[in-house]
């Protein structure tokens, strides 16, 4: 009798663990999809921003304005914070 109760308990616990892991994976998938959509939107906005053209970024006078604009994008999106920190650091070293 105890073997049957043990088996049912183990089986039930295994199912709960599997369902919990599946729920976590689905949550990760959803968060990743949302972040990718956010990144695509942000990339489109940056590509159409006239203050962030290659000329504006590399120009001695206008590069400060471009850096300020990039900092605004950084403040609005946590996903690109590290990339912009790297870029802003490399631009500041070039100055």
Protein backbone atom coordinates (compact mmCIF):
# COMPACT_ATOMS: atom_id res chain seq x y z
CA UNK A 1 0.00 0.00 0.00
CA UNK A 2 2.77 2.44 0.88
CA UNK A 3 4.48 1.71 -2.47
CA UNK A 4 1.34 2.80 -4.34
CA UNK A 5 1.06 6.01 -2.29
CA UNK A 6 4.76 6.68 -2.83
CA UNK A 7 4.48 6.11 -6.57
CA UNK A 8 1.43 8.41 -6.85
CA UNK A 9 3.18 11.11 -4.82
CA UNK A 10 6.34 10.93 -6.92
CA UNK A 11 4.33 10.93 -10.12
CA UNK A 12 2.28 13.92 -9.02
CA UNK A 13 5.37 15.82 -7.90
CA UNK A 14 7.11 15.08 -11.21
CA UNK A 15 4.12 16.43 -13.16
CA UNK A 16 4.04 19.60 -11.07
CA UNK A 17 7.77 20.18 -11.60
CA UNK A 18 7.47 19.61 -15.33
CA UNK A 19 4.51 22.00 -15.58
CA UNK A 20 6.35 24.61 -13.53
CA UNK A 21 9.39 24.37 -15.81
CA UNK A 22 7.21 24.61 -18.91
CA UNK A 23 5.53 27.72 -17.50
CA UNK A 24 8.94 29.28 -16.82
CA UNK A 25 10.12 28.49 -20.35
CA UNK A 26 6.96 30.02 -21.83
CA UNK A 27 7.51 33.13 -19.73
CA UNK A 28 11.13 33.41 -20.94
CA UNK A 29 9.95 32.98 -24.53
CA UNK A 30 7.37 35.74 -24.11
CA UNK A 31 9.85 38.15 -22.49
CA UNK A 32 12.45 37.45 -25.18
CA UNK A 33 9.91 38.06 -27.95
CA UNK A 34 8.88 41.35 -26.33
CA UNK A 35 12.51 42.48 -26.01
CA UNK A 36 13.24 41.57 -29.63
CA UNK A 37 10.21 43.58 -30.78
CA UNK A 38 11.37 46.50 -28.63
CA UNK A 39 14.86 46.23 -30.12
CA UNK A 40 13.50 46.17 -33.69
CA UNK A 41 11.39 49.26 -33.01
CA UNK A 42 14.33 51.04 -31.44
CA UNK A 43 16.62 50.13 -34.33
CA UNK A 44 14.10 51.55 -36.79
CA UNK A 45 13.80 54.78 -34.78
CA UNK A 46 17.58 55.16 -34.60
CA UNK A 47 18.03 54.47 -38.31
CA UNK A 48 15.55 57.24 -39.23
CA UNK A 49 16.89 59.78 -36.72
CA UNK A 50 18.64 62.57 -38.65
CA UNK A 51 20.78 63.41 -35.63
CA UNK A 52 22.37 59.95 -35.76
CA UNK A 53 23.65 59.79 -39.31
CA UNK A 54 27.26 58.64 -39.78
CA UNK A 55 28.16 62.23 -40.70
CA UNK A 56 26.65 63.67 -37.52
CA UNK A 57 28.34 61.09 -35.31
CA UNK A 58 31.79 61.48 -36.85
CA UNK A 59 31.66 65.29 -37.13
CA UNK A 60 33.63 67.11 -34.43
CA UNK A 61 30.95 69.71 -33.74
CA UNK A 62 27.78 67.65 -34.11
CA UNK A 63 29.02 64.51 -32.36
CA UNK A 64 28.03 65.98 -28.98
CA UNK A 65 24.44 66.29 -30.18
CA UNK A 66 24.55 62.71 -31.47
CA UNK A 67 25.87 61.48 -28.13
CA UNK A 68 23.08 63.30 -26.29
CA UNK A 69 20.53 61.69 -28.60
CA UNK A 70 22.01 58.25 -28.00
CA UNK A 71 21.80 58.84 -24.26
CA UNK A 72 18.07 59.51 -24.68
CA UNK A 73 17.66 56.15 -26.40
CA UNK A 74 19.70 54.56 -23.63
CA UNK A 75 17.39 56.00 -20.98
CA UNK A 76 14.33 54.56 -22.75
CA UNK A 77 15.61 51.02 -23.25
CA UNK A 78 17.42 48.80 -20.81
CA UNK A 79 18.26 46.20 -23.43
CA UNK A 80 20.73 48.41 -25.28
CA UNK A 81 22.36 50.03 -22.28
CA UNK A 82 25.60 48.04 -22.53
CA UNK A 83 25.93 48.54 -26.29
CA UNK A 84 25.47 52.29 -26.01
CA UNK A 85 27.87 52.50 -23.07
CA UNK A 86 30.49 50.82 -25.23
CA UNK A 87 29.80 53.11 -28.18
CA UNK A 88 29.70 56.28 -26.09
CA UNK A 89 32.94 55.28 -24.40
CA UNK A 90 34.66 54.68 -27.74
CA UNK A 91 33.40 58.02 -29.12
CA UNK A 92 34.65 59.85 -26.02
CA UNK A 93 38.06 58.21 -26.38
CA UNK A 94 38.26 59.38 -29.99
CA UNK A 95 37.69 63.00 -28.98
